[in-house]
Amino acid sequence: MNRYETIYIVRPNVDEEGLKAIIEKFKGIIESNGEIETIDEWGKRKLAYLIDDIGEGFYVYMKYKADTNIPKELERVFGITEDILRNMTIKLD
C-alpha cells in the first residue's frame, strides 16, 4: 500500500450536517481498501482566488494508506460531487 494525502475544499454554504456527511463519504471510500492515518478539518478559510464566484470554503485534509485504485476513485467522486470546489491528492514517499 502507498501513502497519500488529499486536501479538498467544500463550498461554504454547506451546513454542518452536510459537511459531516461529505467527510464520511470520502472516509468510507478510503476505508474500503485502505487505512486512514489522520483527518483534519481546517475549517472555513479564504481562498487565494475566486472559484465560481466563491471566495471561501471549508478545507479538509486526509492522510492515508491505500491501494493505487483509491486515489483514482476519490478523484472520480470529487468530480461528480457538486459541493466540492477543488481537490488535490499527493503520493508520499
PDB file of N, CA and C in Angstrom:
ATOM      1  N   MET A   1       0.838  -1.186   0.000  1.00  0.00           N
ATOM      2  CA  MET A   1       0.000   0.000   0.000  1.00  0.00           C
ATOM      3  C   MET A   1       0.883   1.249   0.000  1.00  0.00           C
ATOM      4  N   ASN A   2       0.420   2.257  -0.689  1.00  0.00           N
ATOM      5  CA  ASN A   2       1.122   3.532  -0.758  1.00  0.00           C
ATOM      6  C   ASN A   2       0.501   4.527   0.216  1.00  0.00           C
ATOM      7  N   ARG A   3       1.285   5.543   0.574  1.00  0.00           N
ATOM      8  CA  ARG A   3       0.778   6.605   1.452  1.00  0.00           C
ATOM      9  C   ARG A   3       0.408   7.813   0.600  1.00  0.00           C
ATOM     10  N   TYR A   4      -0.724   8.429   0.915  1.00  0.00           N
ATOM     11  CA  TYR A   4      -1.230   9.584   0.183  1.00  0.00           C
ATOM     12  C   TYR A   4      -1.711  10.644   1.155  1.00  0.00           C
ATOM     13  N   GLU A   5      -1.795  11.871   0.652  1.00  0.00           N
ATOM     14  CA  GLU A   5      -2.502  12.923   1.373  1.00  0.00           C
ATOM     15  C   GLU A   5      -3.399  13.635   0.377  1.00  0.00           C
ATOM     16  N   THR A   6      -4.587  13.957   0.828  1.00  0.00           N
ATOM     17  CA  THR A   6      -5.579  14.614  -0.009  1.00  0.00           C
ATOM     18  C   THR A   6      -6.129  15.815   0.740  1.00  0.00           C
ATOM     19  N   ILE A   7      -6.242  16.919   0.026  1.00  0.00           N
ATOM     20  CA  ILE A   7      -6.885  18.116   0.554  1.00  0.00           C
ATOM     21  C   ILE A   7      -8.040  18.446  -0.375  1.00  0.00           C
ATOM     22  N   TYR A   8      -9.198  18.710   0.201  1.00  0.00           N
ATOM     23  CA  TYR A   8     -10.313  19.144  -0.632  1.00  0.00           C
ATOM     24  C   TYR A   8     -11.033  20.305   0.032  1.00  0.00           C
ATOM     25  N   ILE A   9     -11.688  21.119  -0.810  1.00  0.00           N
ATOM     26  CA  ILE A   9     -12.390  22.320  -0.348  1.00  0.00           C
ATOM     27  C   ILE A   9     -13.879  22.133  -0.623  1.00  0.00           C
ATOM     28  N   VAL A  10     -14.682  22.298   0.421  1.00  0.00           N
ATOM     29  CA  VAL A  10     -16.130  22.160   0.336  1.00  0.00           C
ATOM     30  C   VAL A  10     -16.750  23.560   0.297  1.00  0.00           C
ATOM     31  N   ARG A  11     -17.799  23.708  -0.496  1.00  0.00           N
ATOM     32  CA  ARG A  11     -18.492  25.007  -0.599  1.00  0.00           C
ATOM     33  C   ARG A  11     -18.880  25.527   0.790  1.00  0.00           C
ATOM     34  N   PRO A  12     -18.797  26.847   1.006  1.00  0.00           N
ATOM     35  CA  PRO A  12     -19.081  27.400   2.338  1.00  0.00           C
ATOM     36  C   PRO A  12     -20.555  27.378   2.728  1.00  0.00           C
ATOM     37  N   ASN A  13     -21.460  27.217   1.755  1.00  0.00           N
ATOM     38  CA  ASN A  13     -22.888  27.233   2.086  1.00  0.00           C
ATOM     39  C   ASN A  13     -23.407  25.877   2.557  1.00  0.00           C
ATOM     40  N   VAL A  14     -22.551  24.873   2.648  1.00  0.00           N
ATOM     41  CA  VAL A  14     -22.944  23.546   3.150  1.00  0.00           C
ATOM     42  C   VAL A  14     -23.057  23.624   4.669  1.00  0.00           C
ATOM     43  N   ASP A  15     -24.177  23.128   5.205  1.00  0.00           N
ATOM     44  CA  ASP A  15     -24.356  23.173   6.659  1.00  0.00           C
ATOM     45  C   ASP A  15     -23.474  22.117   7.335  1.00  0.00           C
ATOM     46  N   GLU A  16     -23.453  22.139   8.662  1.00  0.00           N
ATOM     47  CA  GLU A  16     -22.553  21.259   9.417  1.00  0.00           C
ATOM     48  C   GLU A  16     -22.864  19.785   9.188  1.00  0.00           C
ATOM     49  N   GLU A  17     -24.148  19.433   9.119  1.00  0.00           N
ATOM     50  CA  GLU A  17     -24.523  18.042   8.868  1.00  0.00           C
ATOM     51  C   GLU A  17     -24.094  17.596   7.484  1.00  0.00           C
ATOM     52  N   GLY A  18     -24.243  18.481   6.505  1.00  0.00           N
ATOM     53  CA  GLY A  18     -23.824  18.168   5.144  1.00  0.00           C
ATOM     54  C   GLY A  18     -22.323  17.982   5.044  1.00  0.00           C
ATOM     55  N   LEU A  19     -21.578  18.808   5.778  1.00  0.00           N
ATOM     56  CA  LEU A  19     -20.120  18.694   5.795  1.00  0.00           C
ATOM     57  C   LEU A  19     -19.693  17.357   6.401  1.00  0.00           C
ATOM     58  N   LYS A  20     -20.325  16.976   7.509  1.00  0.00           N
ATOM     59  CA  LYS A  20     -20.014  15.687   8.143  1.00  0.00           C
ATOM     60  C   LYS A  20     -20.331  14.530   7.196  1.00  0.00           C
ATOM     61  N   ALA A  21     -21.439  14.639   6.445  1.00  0.00           N
ATOM     62  CA  ALA A  21     -21.818  13.587   5.504  1.00  0.00           C
ATOM     63  C   ALA A  21     -20.789  13.467   4.379  1.00  0.00           C
ATOM     64  N   ILE A  22     -20.292  14.594   3.887  1.00  0.00           N
ATOM     65  CA  ILE A  22     -19.276  14.581   2.832  1.00  0.00           C
ATOM     66  C   ILE A  22     -17.992  13.940   3.347  1.00  0.00           C
ATOM     67  N   ILE A  23     -17.567  14.320   4.542  1.00  0.00           N
ATOM     68  CA  ILE A  23     -16.342  13.749   5.119  1.00  0.00           C
ATOM     69  C   ILE A  23     -16.493  12.243   5.298  1.00  0.00           C
ATOM     70  N   GLU A  24     -17.645  11.797   5.799  1.00  0.00           N
ATOM     71  CA  GLU A  24     -17.886  10.362   5.992  1.00  0.00           C
ATOM     72  C   GLU A  24     -17.908   9.612   4.663  1.00  0.00           C
ATOM     73  N   LYS A  25     -18.434  10.248   3.619  1.00  0.00           N
ATOM     74  CA  LYS A  25     -18.482   9.627   2.300  1.00  0.00           C
ATOM     75  C   LYS A  25     -17.072   9.317   1.800  1.00  0.00           C
ATOM     76  N   PHE A  26     -16.183  10.309   1.887  1.00  0.00           N
ATOM     77  CA  PHE A  26     -14.820  10.098   1.402  1.00  0.00           C
ATOM     78  C   PHE A  26     -14.015   9.196   2.341  1.00  0.00           C
ATOM     79  N   LYS A  27     -14.319   9.264   3.616  1.00  0.00           N
ATOM     80  CA  LYS A  27     -13.679   8.368   4.579  1.00  0.00           C
ATOM     81  C   LYS A  27     -14.043   6.919   4.265  1.00  0.00           C
ATOM     82  N   GLY A  28     -15.286   6.682   3.911  1.00  0.00           N
ATOM     83  CA  GLY A  28     -15.744   5.336   3.565  1.00  0.00           C
ATOM     84  C   GLY A  28     -15.069   4.792   2.320  1.00  0.00           C
ATOM     85  N   ILE A  29     -14.835   5.663   1.332  1.00  0.00           N
ATOM     86  CA  ILE A  29     -14.152   5.234   0.112  1.00  0.00           C
ATOM     87  C   ILE A  29     -12.743   4.762   0.450  1.00  0.00           C
ATOM     88  N   ILE A  30     -12.051   5.519   1.283  1.00  0.00           N
ATOM     89  CA  ILE A  30     -10.682   5.150   1.651  1.00  0.00           C
ATOM     90  C   ILE A  30     -10.664   3.871   2.471  1.00  0.00           C
ATOM     91  N   GLU A  31     -11.569   3.755   3.432  1.00  0.00           N
ATOM     92  CA  GLU A  31     -11.577   2.591   4.317  1.00  0.00           C
ATOM     93  C   GLU A  31     -11.976   1.300   3.607  1.00  0.00           C
ATOM     94  N   SER A  32     -12.553   1.400   2.402  1.00  0.00           N
ATOM     95  CA  SER A  32     -12.921   0.190   1.671  1.00  0.00           C
ATOM     96  C   SER A  32     -11.696  -0.637   1.304  1.00  0.00           C
ATOM     97  N   ASN A  33     -10.570   0.008   0.976  1.00  0.00           N
ATOM     98  CA  ASN A  33      -9.335  -0.710   0.642  1.00  0.00           C
ATOM     99  C   ASN A  33      -8.126   0.034   1.166  1.00  0.00           C
ATOM    100  N   GLY A  34      -8.229   0.635   2.336  1.00  0.00           N
ATOM    101  CA  GLY A  34      -7.100   1.377   2.866  1.00  0.00           C
ATOM    102  C   GLY A  34      -7.240   1.634   4.352  1.00  0.00           C
ATOM    103  N   GLU A  35      -6.377   2.494   4.838  1.00  0.00           N
ATOM    104  CA  GLU A  35      -6.329   2.792   6.267  1.00  0.00           C
ATOM    105  C   GLU A  35      -6.065   4.284   6.445  1.00  0.00           C
ATOM    106  N   ILE A  36      -6.947   4.965   7.172  1.00  0.00           N
ATOM    107  CA  ILE A  36      -6.801   6.398   7.396  1.00  0.00           C
ATOM    108  C   ILE A  36      -5.858   6.649   8.564  1.00  0.00           C
ATOM    109  N   GLU A  37      -4.892   7.531   8.355  1.00  0.00           N
ATOM    110  CA  GLU A  37      -3.986   7.920   9.435  1.00  0.00           C
ATOM    111  C   GLU A  37      -4.551   9.130  10.172  1.00  0.00           C
ATOM    112  N   THR A  38      -4.914  10.194   9.436  1.00  0.00           N
ATOM    113  CA  THR A  38      -5.492  11.384  10.067  1.00  0.00           C
ATOM    114  C   THR A  38      -6.505  12.036   9.136  1.00  0.00           C
ATOM    115  N   ILE A  39      -7.497  12.668   9.749  1.00  0.00           N
ATOM    116  CA  ILE A  39      -8.425  13.556   9.046  1.00  0.00           C
ATOM    117  C   ILE A  39      -8.490  14.826   9.866  1.00  0.00           C
ATOM    118  N   ASP A  40      -8.115  15.946   9.255  1.00  0.00           N
ATOM    119  CA  ASP A  40      -8.139  17.236   9.936  1.00  0.00           C
ATOM    120  C   ASP A  40      -9.094  18.170   9.208  1.00  0.00           C
ATOM    121  N   GLU A  41     -10.013  18.743   9.957  1.00  0.00           N
ATOM    122  CA  GLU A  41     -10.885  19.773   9.411  1.00  0.00           C
ATOM    123  C   GLU A  41     -10.238  21.114   9.727  1.00  0.00           C
ATOM    124  N   TRP A  42      -9.770  21.794   8.699  1.00  0.00           N
ATOM    125  CA  TRP A  42      -9.095  23.075   8.893  1.00  0.00           C
ATOM    126  C   TRP A  42     -10.083  24.224   9.022  1.00  0.00           C
ATOM    127  N   GLY A  43     -11.343  23.970   8.763  1.00  0.00           N
ATOM    128  CA  GLY A  43     -12.362  24.998   8.915  1.00  0.00           C
ATOM    129  C   GLY A  43     -12.499  25.881   7.693  1.00  0.00           C
ATOM    130  N   LYS A  44     -13.286  26.949   7.871  1.00  0.00           N
ATOM    131  CA  LYS A  44     -13.560  27.864   6.769  1.00  0.00           C
ATOM    132  C   LYS A  44     -12.397  28.839   6.629  1.00  0.00           C
ATOM    133  N   ARG A  45     -11.877  28.926   5.399  1.00  0.00           N
ATOM    134  CA  ARG A  45     -10.755  29.821   5.109  1.00  0.00           C
ATOM    135  C   ARG A  45     -11.017  30.564   3.817  1.00  0.00           C
ATOM    136  N   LYS A  46     -10.375  31.696   3.699  1.00  0.00           N
ATOM    137  CA  LYS A  46     -10.476  32.492   2.482  1.00  0.00           C
ATOM    138  C   LYS A  46      -9.639  31.847   1.386  1.00  0.00           C
ATOM    139  N   LEU A  47     -10.182  31.793   0.175  1.00  0.00           N
ATOM    140  CA  LEU A  47      -9.465  31.231  -0.962  1.00  0.00           C
ATOM    141  C   LEU A  47      -8.508  32.273  -1.534  1.00  0.00           C
ATOM    142  N   ALA A  48      -7.448  31.820  -2.178  1.00  0.00           N
ATOM    143  CA  ALA A  48      -6.476  32.725  -2.783  1.00  0.00           C
ATOM    144  C   ALA A  48      -7.092  33.474  -3.966  1.00  0.00           C
ATOM    145  N   TYR A  49      -8.058  32.864  -4.632  1.00  0.00           N
ATOM    146  CA  TYR A  49      -8.741  33.482  -5.760  1.00  0.00           C
ATOM    147  C   TYR A  49     -10.166  32.930  -5.810  1.00  0.00           C
ATOM    148  N   LEU A  50     -11.051  33.620  -6.491  1.00  0.00           N
ATOM    149  CA  LEU A  50     -12.444  33.195  -6.580  1.00  0.00           C
ATOM    150  C   LEU A  50     -12.567  31.936  -7.431  1.00  0.00           C
ATOM    151  N   ILE A  51     -13.390  31.024  -6.977  1.00  0.00           N
ATOM    152  CA  ILE A  51     -13.742  29.829  -7.733  1.00  0.00           C
ATOM    153  C   ILE A  51     -15.256  29.851  -7.874  1.00  0.00           C
ATOM    154  N   ASP A  52     -15.749  29.972  -9.095  1.00  0.00           N
ATOM    155  CA  ASP A  52     -17.192  30.067  -9.345  1.00  0.00           C
ATOM    156  C   ASP A  52     -17.817  31.181  -8.510  1.00  0.00           C
ATOM    157  N   ASP A  53     -17.149  32.325  -8.418  1.00  0.00           N
ATOM    158  CA  ASP A  53     -17.584  33.495  -7.647  1.00  0.00           C
ATOM    159  C   ASP A  53     -17.707  33.211  -6.148  1.00  0.00           C
ATOM    160  N   ILE A  54     -16.972  32.250  -5.650  1.00  0.00           N
ATOM    161  CA  ILE A  54     -16.964  31.907  -4.227  1.00  0.00           C
ATOM    162  C   ILE A  54     -15.585  32.244  -3.682  1.00  0.00           C
ATOM    163  N   GLY A  55     -15.537  32.961  -2.561  1.00  0.00           N
ATOM    164  CA  GLY A  55     -14.273  33.431  -2.018  1.00  0.00           C
ATOM    165  C   GLY A  55     -13.769  32.694  -0.791  1.00  0.00           C
ATOM    166  N   GLU A  56     -14.538  31.716  -0.287  1.00  0.00           N
ATOM    167  CA  GLU A  56     -14.083  30.959   0.872  1.00  0.00           C
ATOM    168  C   GLU A  56     -14.642  29.545   0.821  1.00  0.00           C
ATOM    169  N   GLY A  57     -14.071  28.655   1.634  1.00  0.00           N
ATOM    170  CA  GLY A  57     -14.536  27.274   1.653  1.00  0.00           C
ATOM    171  C   GLY A  57     -14.002  26.543   2.870  1.00  0.00           C
ATOM    172  N   PHE A  58     -14.576  25.373   3.140  1.00  0.00           N
ATOM    173  CA  PHE A  58     -14.131  24.517   4.237  1.00  0.00           C
ATOM    174  C   PHE A  58     -13.029  23.598   3.721  1.00  0.00           C
ATOM    175  N   TYR A  59     -11.889  23.627   4.375  1.00  0.00           N
ATOM    176  CA  TYR A  59     -10.761  22.784   3.989  1.00  0.00           C
ATOM    177  C   TYR A  59     -10.749  21.513   4.829  1.00  0.00           C
ATOM    178  N   VAL A  60     -10.515  20.374   4.167  1.00  0.00           N
ATOM    179  CA  VAL A  60     -10.407  19.086   4.855  1.00  0.00           C
ATOM    180  C   VAL A  60      -9.137  18.400   4.348  1.00  0.00           C
ATOM    181  N   TYR A  61      -8.303  17.931   5.285  1.00  0.00           N
ATOM    182  CA  TYR A  61      -7.037  17.267   4.977  1.00  0.00           C
ATOM    183  C   TYR A  61      -7.108  15.822   5.445  1.00  0.00           C
ATOM    184  N   MET A  62      -6.729  14.884   4.567  1.00  0.00           N
ATOM    185  CA  MET A  62      -6.714  13.470   4.923  1.00  0.00           C
ATOM    186  C   MET A  62      -5.351  12.872   4.575  1.00  0.00           C
ATOM    187  N   LYS A  63      -4.811  12.075   5.468  1.00  0.00           N
ATOM    188  CA  LYS A  63      -3.568  11.337   5.225  1.00  0.00           C
ATOM    189  C   LYS A  63      -3.910   9.871   5.414  1.00  0.00           C
ATOM    190  N   TYR A  64      -3.521   9.028   4.438  1.00  0.00           N
ATOM    191  CA  TYR A  64      -3.957   7.637   4.476  1.00  0.00           C
ATOM    192  C   TYR A  64      -3.021   6.721   3.701  1.00  0.00           C
ATOM    193  N   LYS A  65      -3.185   5.422   3.947  1.00  0.00           N
ATOM    194  CA  LYS A  65      -2.513   4.368   3.190  1.00  0.00           C
ATOM    195  C   LYS A  65      -3.593   3.646   2.398  1.00  0.00           C
ATOM    196  N   ALA A  66      -3.320   3.400   1.118  1.00  0.00           N
ATOM    197  CA  ALA A  66      -4.336   2.754   0.289  1.00  0.00           C
ATOM    198  C   ALA A  66      -3.715   2.137  -0.954  1.00  0.00           C
ATOM    199  N   ASP A  67      -4.498   1.286  -1.610  1.00  0.00           N
ATOM    200  CA  ASP A  67      -4.104   0.738  -2.897  1.00  0.00           C
ATOM    201  C   ASP A  67      -4.131   1.851  -3.942  1.00  0.00           C
ATOM    202  N   THR A  68      -3.517   1.597  -5.080  1.00  0.00           N
ATOM    203  CA  THR A  68      -3.411   2.637  -6.111  1.00  0.00           C
ATOM    204  C   THR A  68      -4.745   3.016  -6.737  1.00  0.00           C
ATOM    205  N   ASN A  69      -5.755   2.174  -6.625  1.00  0.00           N
ATOM    206  CA  ASN A  69      -7.047   2.499  -7.227  1.00  0.00           C
ATOM    207  C   ASN A  69      -7.877   3.469  -6.381  1.00  0.00           C
ATOM    208  N   ILE A  70      -7.560   3.626  -5.108  1.00  0.00           N
ATOM    209  CA  ILE A  70      -8.349   4.505  -4.231  1.00  0.00           C
ATOM    210  C   ILE A  70      -8.218   5.982  -4.625  1.00  0.00           C
ATOM    211  N   PRO A  71      -7.021   6.522  -4.861  1.00  0.00           N
ATOM    212  CA  PRO A  71      -6.954   7.927  -5.286  1.00  0.00           C
ATOM    213  C   PRO A  71      -7.703   8.192  -6.593  1.00  0.00           C
ATOM    214  N   LYS A  72      -7.683   7.225  -7.502  1.00  0.00           N
ATOM    215  CA  LYS A  72      -8.433   7.382  -8.756  1.00  0.00           C
ATOM    216  C   LYS A  72      -9.933   7.441  -8.486  1.00  0.00           C
ATOM    217  N   GLU A  73     -10.395   6.587  -7.578  1.00  0.00           N
ATOM    218  CA  GLU A  73     -11.823   6.584  -7.227  1.00  0.00           C
ATOM    219  C   GLU A  73     -12.198   7.878  -6.506  1.00  0.00           C
ATOM    220  N   LEU A  74     -11.332   8.363  -5.617  1.00  0.00           N
ATOM    221  CA  LEU A  74     -11.600   9.634  -4.943  1.00  0.00           C
ATOM    222  C   LEU A  74     -11.724  10.763  -5.962  1.00  0.00           C
ATOM    223  N   GLU A  75     -10.802  10.827  -6.920  1.00  0.00           N
ATOM    224  CA  GLU A  75     -10.850  11.872  -7.949  1.00  0.00           C
ATOM    225  C   GLU A  75     -12.164  11.809  -8.729  1.00  0.00           C
ATOM    226  N   ARG A  76     -12.611  10.597  -9.043  1.00  0.00           N
ATOM    227  CA  ARG A  76     -13.859  10.438  -9.776  1.00  0.00           C
ATOM    228  C   ARG A  76     -15.039  10.965  -8.962  1.00  0.00           C
ATOM    229  N   VAL A  77     -15.090  10.599  -7.690  1.00  0.00           N
ATOM    230  CA  VAL A  77     -16.209  11.013  -6.845  1.00  0.00           C
ATOM    231  C   VAL A  77     -16.139  12.520  -6.542  1.00  0.00           C
ATOM    232  N   PHE A  78     -14.917  13.066  -6.361  1.00  0.00           N
ATOM    233  CA  PHE A  78     -14.788  14.514  -6.188  1.00  0.00           C
ATOM    234  C   PHE A  78     -15.391  15.240  -7.394  1.00  0.00           C
ATOM    235  N   GLY A  79     -15.136  14.716  -8.577  1.00  0.00           N
ATOM    236  CA  GLY A  79     -15.610  15.349  -9.802  1.00  0.00           C
ATOM    237  C   GLY A  79     -17.118  15.376  -9.941  1.00  0.00           C
ATOM    238  N   ILE A  80     -17.809  14.399  -9.377  1.00  0.00           N
ATOM    239  CA  ILE A  80     -19.271  14.360  -9.513  1.00  0.00           C
ATOM    240  C   ILE A  80     -19.996  14.888  -8.275  1.00  0.00           C
ATOM    241  N   THR A  81     -19.261  15.304  -7.255  1.00  0.00           N
ATOM    242  CA  THR A  81     -19.873  15.866  -6.050  1.00  0.00           C
ATOM    243  C   THR A  81     -19.940  17.384  -6.202  1.00  0.00           C
ATOM    244  N   GLU A  82     -21.146  17.921  -6.253  1.00  0.00           N
ATOM    245  CA  GLU A  82     -21.344  19.347  -6.513  1.00  0.00           C
ATOM    246  C   GLU A  82     -20.739  20.254  -5.455  1.00  0.00           C
ATOM    247  N   ASP A  83     -20.688  19.827  -4.215  1.00  0.00           N
ATOM    248  CA  ASP A  83     -20.238  20.684  -3.127  1.00  0.00           C
ATOM    249  C   ASP A  83     -18.722  20.753  -2.985  1.00  0.00           C
ATOM    250  N   ILE A  84     -17.967  20.067  -3.824  1.00  0.00           N
ATOM    251  CA  ILE A  84     -16.505  20.119  -3.785  1.00  0.00           C
ATOM    252  C   ILE A  84     -16.023  21.162  -4.784  1.00  0.00           C
ATOM    253  N   LEU A  85     -15.295  22.164  -4.284  1.00  0.00           N
ATOM    254  CA  LEU A  85     -14.750  23.199  -5.169  1.00  0.00           C
ATOM    255  C   LEU A  85     -13.450  22.759  -5.818  1.00  0.00           C
ATOM    256  N   ARG A  86     -12.516  22.269  -5.035  1.00  0.00           N
ATOM    257  CA  ARG A  86     -11.213  21.830  -5.531  1.00  0.00           C
ATOM    258  C   ARG A  86     -10.706  20.672  -4.682  1.00  0.00           C
ATOM    259  N   ASN A  87      -9.789  19.880  -5.261  1.00  0.00           N
ATOM    260  CA  ASN A  87      -9.163  18.805  -4.506  1.00  0.00           C
ATOM    261  C   ASN A  87      -7.785  18.546  -5.074  1.00  0.00           C
ATOM    262  N   MET A  88      -6.934  17.963  -4.250  1.00  0.00           N
ATOM    263  CA  MET A  88      -5.588  17.623  -4.674  1.00  0.00           C
ATOM    264  C   MET A  88      -5.116  16.420  -3.867  1.00  0.00           C
ATOM    265  N   THR A  89      -4.565  15.426  -4.574  1.00  0.00           N
ATOM    266  CA  THR A  89      -4.020  14.243  -3.934  1.00  0.00           C
ATOM    267  C   THR A  89      -2.549  14.114  -4.297  1.00  0.00           C
ATOM    268  N   ILE A  90      -1.726  13.832  -3.296  1.00  0.00           N
ATOM    269  CA  ILE A  90      -0.282  13.709  -3.478  1.00  0.00           C
ATOM    270  C   ILE A  90       0.157  12.361  -2.906  1.00  0.00           C
ATOM    271  N   LYS A  91       0.999  11.653  -3.664  1.00  0.00           N
ATOM    272  CA  LYS A  91       1.576  10.409  -3.178  1.00  0.00           C
ATOM    273  C   LYS A  91       2.820  10.748  -2.355  1.00  0.00           C
ATOM    274  N   LEU A  92       2.886  10.224  -1.147  1.00  0.00           N
ATOM    275  CA  LEU A  92       4.008  10.475  -0.253  1.00  0.00           C
ATOM    276  C   LEU A  92       5.064   9.390  -0.439  1.00  0.00           C
ATOM    277  N   ASP A  93       6.292   9.675  -0.015  1.00  0.00           N
ATOM    278  CA  ASP A  93       7.388   8.697  -0.118  1.00  0.00           C
ATOM    279  C   ASP A  93       7.164   7.537   0.817  1.00  0.00           C
TER     280      ASP A  93
END
